[in-house]
Protein backbone atom coordinates (compact mmCIF):
# COMPACT_ATOMS: atom_id res chain seq x y z
CA MET A 1 44.02 -7.09 -114.60
CA ASN A 2 42.23 -5.24 -111.49
CA LYS A 3 41.93 -1.85 -110.79
CA GLN A 4 44.36 -0.17 -108.16
CA MET A 5 43.98 2.61 -105.52
CA GLY A 6 44.56 5.37 -107.19
CA ASP A 7 45.40 4.24 -110.76
CA ASP A 8 43.65 6.12 -113.74
CA ARG A 9 44.82 3.54 -116.29
CA VAL A 10 41.84 2.15 -118.33
CA PRO A 11 41.49 -1.92 -118.69
CA PRO A 12 43.29 -3.19 -121.76
CA LYS A 13 40.40 -3.56 -124.64
CA ASP A 14 37.92 -6.47 -124.73
CA GLU A 15 38.74 -7.76 -121.56
CA GLY A 16 35.20 -8.25 -120.51
CA ARG A 17 35.32 -6.02 -117.59
CA TYR A 18 33.17 -3.37 -115.74
CA TYR A 19 34.05 -2.46 -111.98
CA ARG A 20 31.58 -2.26 -108.94
CA ASP A 21 32.94 1.14 -107.71
CA GLU A 22 35.68 3.65 -108.32
CA MET A 23 37.54 6.41 -106.92
CA ASP A 24 36.18 9.52 -105.61
CA ASP A 25 36.01 12.86 -108.17
CA GLY A 26 39.09 14.03 -105.45
CA GLY A 27 40.92 10.86 -105.96
CA GLU A 28 41.20 10.32 -101.93
CA ALA A 29 40.05 6.92 -100.37
CA ALA A 30 37.67 6.76 -97.60
CA ASP A 31 38.99 6.38 -93.90
CA GLY A 32 38.00 3.32 -91.36
CA SER A 33 35.67 0.78 -92.77
CA ASP A 34 34.74 2.55 -95.73
CA SER A 35 38.37 2.33 -96.92
CA ALA A 36 38.27 -0.80 -96.32
CA LEU A 37 35.21 -1.74 -98.14
CA ARG A 38 36.50 0.41 -100.85
CA LYS A 39 39.22 -1.22 -101.35
CA PHE A 40 37.39 -4.52 -101.42
CA ARG A 41 34.96 -3.61 -104.27
CA THR A 42 37.52 -2.28 -106.32
CA ALA A 43 40.30 -5.33 -106.18
CA THR A 44 36.81 -7.59 -106.70
CA SER A 45 35.73 -6.58 -110.39
CA ILE A 46 33.17 -8.64 -111.89
CA SER A 47 34.25 -10.72 -115.01
CA MET A 48 31.51 -10.35 -118.07
CA SER A 49 31.80 -10.92 -121.22
CA PRO A 50 30.85 -8.70 -124.37
CA GLU A 51 28.07 -11.17 -125.28
CA LEU A 52 26.81 -11.24 -121.65
CA PHE A 53 26.75 -7.47 -121.11
CA GLU A 54 25.21 -6.99 -124.45
CA LYS A 55 22.68 -9.66 -123.74
CA LEU A 56 21.60 -8.16 -120.35
CA TYR A 57 22.27 -4.25 -121.71
CA LEU A 58 21.30 -4.50 -125.25
CA SER A 59 24.14 -2.13 -126.00
CA PRO A 60 27.99 -2.56 -126.71
CA GLN A 61 30.04 -2.53 -123.40
CA ASN A 62 30.99 0.61 -122.47
CA ARG A 63 32.36 2.22 -119.19
CA VAL A 64 31.02 4.25 -116.93
CA LYS A 65 31.65 6.42 -114.07
CA GLY A 66 30.35 5.58 -110.41
CA ASN A 67 28.69 1.90 -109.23
CA LEU A 68 24.57 2.93 -110.50
CA ARG A 69 24.73 -0.85 -112.59
CA ALA A 70 25.58 -2.82 -109.77
CA THR A 71 23.02 -0.78 -107.55
CA PHE A 72 19.84 -0.55 -109.36
CA ALA A 73 17.97 -3.70 -111.52
CA ASN A 74 18.78 -3.98 -115.14
CA PRO A 75 15.94 -2.17 -117.05
CA SER A 76 16.24 -3.15 -120.47
CA PRO A 77 13.81 -6.18 -119.77
CA ILE A 78 11.31 -3.23 -118.66
CA GLY A 79 11.63 -1.52 -121.83
CA LEU A 80 11.18 -4.76 -123.99
CA ALA A 81 8.27 -5.95 -122.18
CA GLY A 82 5.99 -3.20 -122.73
CA PHE A 83 7.17 -2.77 -126.39
CA LEU A 84 5.95 -6.46 -127.26
CA LEU A 85 3.01 -6.52 -125.00
CA CYS A 86 1.50 -4.16 -126.83
CA LEU A 87 2.98 -4.50 -130.69
CA THR A 88 2.72 -8.62 -130.68
CA PRO A 89 -1.53 -7.83 -130.34
CA LEU A 90 -1.21 -5.22 -132.48
CA SER A 91 0.26 -7.03 -134.98
CA MET A 92 -2.46 -9.85 -134.96
CA ASP A 93 -4.60 -6.93 -135.13
CA LEU A 94 -3.45 -5.82 -138.81
CA MET A 95 -3.07 -9.49 -140.01
CA GLY A 96 -7.03 -9.47 -139.44
CA TRP A 97 -6.65 -13.09 -137.19
CA ARG A 98 -10.28 -14.08 -136.04
CA GLY A 99 -11.77 -10.89 -137.15
CA ALA A 100 -9.45 -8.75 -135.02
CA GLY A 101 -8.66 -5.22 -136.69
CA ALA A 102 -9.55 -1.02 -136.07
CA ASN A 103 -5.75 -0.56 -136.04
CA GLY A 104 -5.33 -2.14 -132.25
CA SER A 105 -8.23 0.00 -131.08
CA ALA A 106 -9.58 -2.20 -128.52
CA ASN A 107 -5.97 -2.13 -127.08
CA SER A 108 -5.37 1.56 -127.03
CA GLY A 109 -5.30 1.38 -123.01
CA ALA A 110 -2.39 -1.27 -123.09
CA PHE A 111 -0.56 1.25 -125.16
CA TYR A 112 -1.01 4.14 -122.83
CA PHE A 113 -0.47 1.97 -119.47
CA GLN A 114 1.68 -0.67 -120.80
CA GLY A 115 3.66 0.16 -123.89
CA GLY A 116 4.18 3.80 -123.37
CA PHE A 117 4.52 3.88 -119.17
CA LEU A 118 6.88 0.58 -119.46
CA MET A 119 8.79 1.86 -122.20
CA ASN A 120 9.45 5.21 -121.07
CA LEU A 121 10.08 4.23 -117.29
CA GLY A 122 12.85 1.72 -119.40
CA CYS A 123 13.67 4.74 -121.41
CA ILE A 124 14.58 7.07 -118.02
CA LEU A 125 16.72 4.37 -115.95
CA GLU A 126 18.76 3.17 -118.95
CA TRP A 127 19.73 7.18 -119.22
CA VAL A 128 20.63 6.74 -115.51
CA ILE A 129 22.74 3.78 -115.43
CA GLY A 130 24.91 5.32 -119.12
CA ASN A 131 23.14 3.43 -121.52
CA THR A 132 22.45 5.87 -124.46
CA LEU A 133 21.12 3.50 -127.50
CA PRO A 134 18.66 1.60 -125.23
CA ALA A 135 17.51 5.06 -123.75
CA VAL A 136 16.73 6.77 -126.96
CA VAL A 137 14.70 3.34 -128.47
CA PHE A 138 12.45 3.32 -125.53
CA GLY A 139 12.03 6.76 -125.24
CA VAL A 140 11.07 7.28 -129.16
CA TYR A 141 8.79 3.91 -128.93
CA GLY A 142 7.58 4.48 -125.48
CA THR A 143 6.11 7.82 -126.83
CA PHE A 144 5.00 6.08 -130.21
CA TRP A 145 2.53 4.21 -128.20
CA LEU A 146 1.13 7.18 -125.98
CA ALA A 147 0.87 9.01 -129.16
CA PHE A 148 -0.62 6.01 -131.09
CA ALA A 149 -3.27 5.41 -128.67
CA ALA A 150 -3.99 9.40 -128.47
CA SER A 151 -4.95 9.56 -132.08
CA LEU A 152 -6.93 5.90 -131.76
CA ASN A 153 -9.18 8.01 -128.67
CA PRO A 154 -11.95 10.45 -130.15
CA ALA A 155 -11.38 12.73 -127.30
CA PHE A 156 -8.17 13.95 -128.59
CA GLY A 157 -9.71 15.05 -131.77
CA ALA A 158 -7.15 13.66 -134.23
CA MET A 159 -9.84 12.33 -136.53
CA THR A 160 -13.02 14.53 -135.25
CA LEU A 161 -10.77 17.66 -136.57
CA PHE A 162 -11.45 16.14 -140.07
CA ALA A 163 -14.86 14.71 -140.18
CA PRO A 164 -16.58 16.18 -142.94
CA PRO A 165 -19.43 18.99 -141.37
CA ASP A 166 -22.61 16.81 -142.21
CA ALA A 167 -20.56 13.84 -140.76
CA LYS A 168 -22.92 11.57 -138.34
CA SER A 169 -19.69 10.09 -136.36
CA PRO A 170 -16.02 11.43 -135.81
CA LEU A 171 -15.07 8.36 -137.12
CA ALA A 172 -15.46 9.42 -140.59
CA GLY A 173 -12.57 11.96 -140.20
CA LEU A 174 -10.76 8.11 -140.50
CA LYS A 175 -11.47 7.76 -144.33
CA THR A 176 -10.29 11.35 -145.01
CA GLU A 177 -7.67 12.59 -147.79
CA PRO A 178 -5.70 14.76 -145.31
CA TYR A 179 -6.09 12.58 -142.23
CA ASN A 180 -4.74 9.28 -143.95
CA ALA A 181 -2.05 11.53 -145.83
CA SER A 182 -0.89 13.11 -142.49
CA LEU A 183 -1.14 9.89 -140.78
CA ALA A 184 1.11 8.64 -143.39
CA TRP A 185 4.13 11.05 -142.98
CA TRP A 186 4.43 10.84 -139.50
CA PHE A 187 4.64 6.36 -140.25
CA LEU A 188 7.10 7.96 -142.51
CA PHE A 189 9.84 9.59 -140.22
CA MET A 190 9.06 6.68 -137.27
CA GLY A 191 10.87 4.30 -140.23
CA LEU A 192 13.75 6.83 -140.75
CA ILE A 193 14.52 6.81 -137.20
CA SER A 194 13.76 2.92 -137.13
CA PHE A 195 16.39 2.77 -140.05
CA ILE A 196 18.79 4.76 -138.06
CA PHE A 197 18.16 2.54 -134.93
CA LEU A 198 19.06 -0.73 -138.01
CA VAL A 199 22.50 1.01 -138.21
CA CYS A 200 23.27 1.07 -135.23
CA SER A 201 22.21 -2.38 -134.15
CA VAL A 202 24.92 -4.00 -135.89
CA ARG A 203 27.03 -3.11 -132.99
CA THR A 204 24.28 -4.68 -130.75
CA ASN A 205 23.08 -8.46 -131.64
CA VAL A 206 21.46 -10.26 -134.61
CA CYS A 207 17.69 -10.10 -132.37
CA PHE A 208 17.93 -6.33 -132.41
CA PHE A 209 18.91 -5.93 -135.69
CA ILE A 210 15.99 -8.48 -136.71
CA ILE A 211 13.39 -6.71 -135.06
CA PHE A 212 15.02 -2.77 -136.38
CA LEU A 213 14.88 -4.35 -139.95
CA CYS A 214 11.02 -5.53 -139.94
CA LEU A 215 9.89 -2.36 -138.39
CA VAL A 216 11.66 -0.42 -140.94
CA ILE A 217 9.63 -2.83 -143.82
CA SER A 218 6.69 -1.95 -141.32
CA PHE A 219 6.52 1.74 -141.24
CA ASN A 220 6.81 1.99 -144.88
CA LEU A 221 4.28 -0.42 -145.23
CA GLN A 222 1.62 1.61 -143.59
CA VAL A 223 3.09 4.73 -145.06
CA ALA A 224 2.03 3.26 -148.95
CA GLY A 225 -1.26 2.07 -146.74
CA ASN A 226 -2.38 5.33 -145.50
CA LEU A 227 -1.34 6.88 -149.13
CA ALA A 228 -3.54 4.54 -151.01
CA SER A 229 -6.23 5.44 -148.20
CA ALA A 230 -6.30 9.41 -148.79
CA GLU A 231 -5.90 8.93 -152.78
CA ASN A 232 -9.68 6.29 -152.60
CA PHE A 233 -10.55 4.98 -149.55
CA THR A 234 -13.06 3.35 -150.88
CA GLY A 235 -11.40 2.13 -154.44
CA ASN A 236 -8.31 1.18 -152.72
CA GLU A 237 -9.84 -0.60 -149.53
CA HIS A 238 -8.60 -4.25 -151.07
CA TYR A 239 -5.32 -3.07 -151.97
CA VAL A 240 -4.89 -1.20 -148.17
CA SER A 241 -6.60 -4.32 -146.42
CA LYS A 242 -3.56 -6.06 -148.13
CA ILE A 243 -0.79 -4.03 -147.20
CA ARG A 244 -1.54 -4.05 -143.83
CA VAL A 245 -1.30 -7.63 -143.57
CA GLY A 246 2.15 -7.27 -144.77
CA ALA A 247 2.72 -4.61 -142.28
CA GLY A 248 1.33 -6.79 -139.58
CA ALA A 249 4.11 -10.02 -140.61
CA ALA A 250 6.54 -7.66 -140.74
CA THR A 251 5.49 -6.70 -136.97
CA PHE A 252 5.19 -10.16 -135.95
CA VAL A 253 8.71 -11.29 -137.11
CA ALA A 254 9.70 -8.60 -134.94
CA CYS A 255 7.95 -9.57 -131.90
CA TRP A 256 9.16 -13.20 -131.41
CA SER A 257 12.77 -11.79 -132.28
CA GLY A 258 12.11 -9.53 -129.23
CA TRP A 259 10.35 -12.15 -126.90
CA TYR A 260 13.42 -14.72 -127.28
CA ILE A 261 15.86 -11.73 -126.58
CA LEU A 262 13.88 -10.81 -123.39
CA THR A 263 13.41 -13.99 -122.84
CA ALA A 264 17.36 -14.69 -122.82
CA SER A 265 18.02 -11.44 -120.51
CA LEU A 266 15.83 -13.21 -118.37
CA LEU A 267 17.35 -15.89 -118.06
CA ALA A 268 21.06 -14.68 -117.66
CA ALA A 269 19.61 -12.08 -115.15
CA VAL A 270 18.39 -15.33 -112.71
CA ASP A 271 21.82 -17.13 -113.62
CA PHE A 272 20.03 -20.10 -115.27
CA PRO A 273 21.99 -22.99 -115.87
CA PHE A 274 21.31 -22.66 -119.53
CA GLN A 275 21.45 -19.68 -121.61
CA LEU A 276 20.22 -18.75 -125.34
CA PRO A 277 22.56 -17.18 -127.38
CA VAL A 278 21.89 -13.81 -129.27
CA GLY A 279 24.01 -13.38 -131.56
CA ASP A 280 26.80 -10.94 -130.35
CA LEU A 281 27.74 -8.43 -132.60
CA SER A 282 29.84 -5.95 -130.78
CA THR A 283 33.01 -8.44 -131.15
CA VAL A 284 32.11 -9.03 -134.49
CA VAL A 285 31.49 -5.33 -136.07
CA LYS A 286 34.24 -3.85 -134.15
CA GLY A 287 34.16 0.37 -132.99
CA LYS A 288 36.44 2.66 -133.91
CA GLN A 289 38.02 3.29 -130.90
CA GLN A 290 38.55 -0.51 -130.92
CA ARG A 291 39.76 -0.70 -134.50
CA SER A 292 42.43 2.06 -133.59
CA GLY A 293 43.33 0.80 -130.25
CA LYS A 294 42.26 3.08 -128.37
CA TYR A 295 39.92 3.09 -125.43
CA VAL A 296 38.02 6.41 -123.65
CA ARG A 297 36.62 5.77 -120.09
CA ARG A 298 33.43 8.13 -119.88
CA GLU A 299 34.37 10.71 -117.20
């Protein structure tokens, strides 16, 4: 059903459409050519299935006032790319592939200028076009990369403050009980907010759900590893290394789910001849308003 001029009625639920333009706040149409153009845009709504919308925007289909989604590019792949370009090599570092290690210290520059920059840029743009969940997700993990890189950088003094007075290197702070215990509590609450995202992802798609499930597992394993290091860094070293391998394996699975949905999103963006399914859940797990037969338009 096309939306008519001056009609404030809400489209039926599950119609799978969003509109390229809307009326002015005062409800008055523009004159002359502007009026004709507005009528044309209003009459030519773009049909988009809930699955395609969710694949592109990583969020259940919603309607927001204005024409922003038709004006700006889709920012979701930007945030996803920054996330994956940092997490994938970090997962390999945690698993110690080909001698990699040191918690990804060699990639701290990527944490700043790829993960941190791209995800926070994606956060701002998702917020602009009205996608709340992706905006929060990209903002949380984007700032995580910045904070994680800072904790690996001696210039920020995170490890230096914990080093013993007679230590020959600031890296000695990495082996202390206070440092590892403090880091464990940060990972604990990163796991908590990842669990909240996991619950919310039940309304998005299977790929997103897998990503958050694996991140919850990984963060909790990191908590266990850091607490074991705080208890006895040298004595538990072999045990902690196995825990970190498990954490890296969990994030590695999350990464490939992410690479899949990034590919699916980009193929959909260029209208590729074939599309990849992402396991849309927004029509399977219906929202409260859908169940009650109501839909509230955001103004």
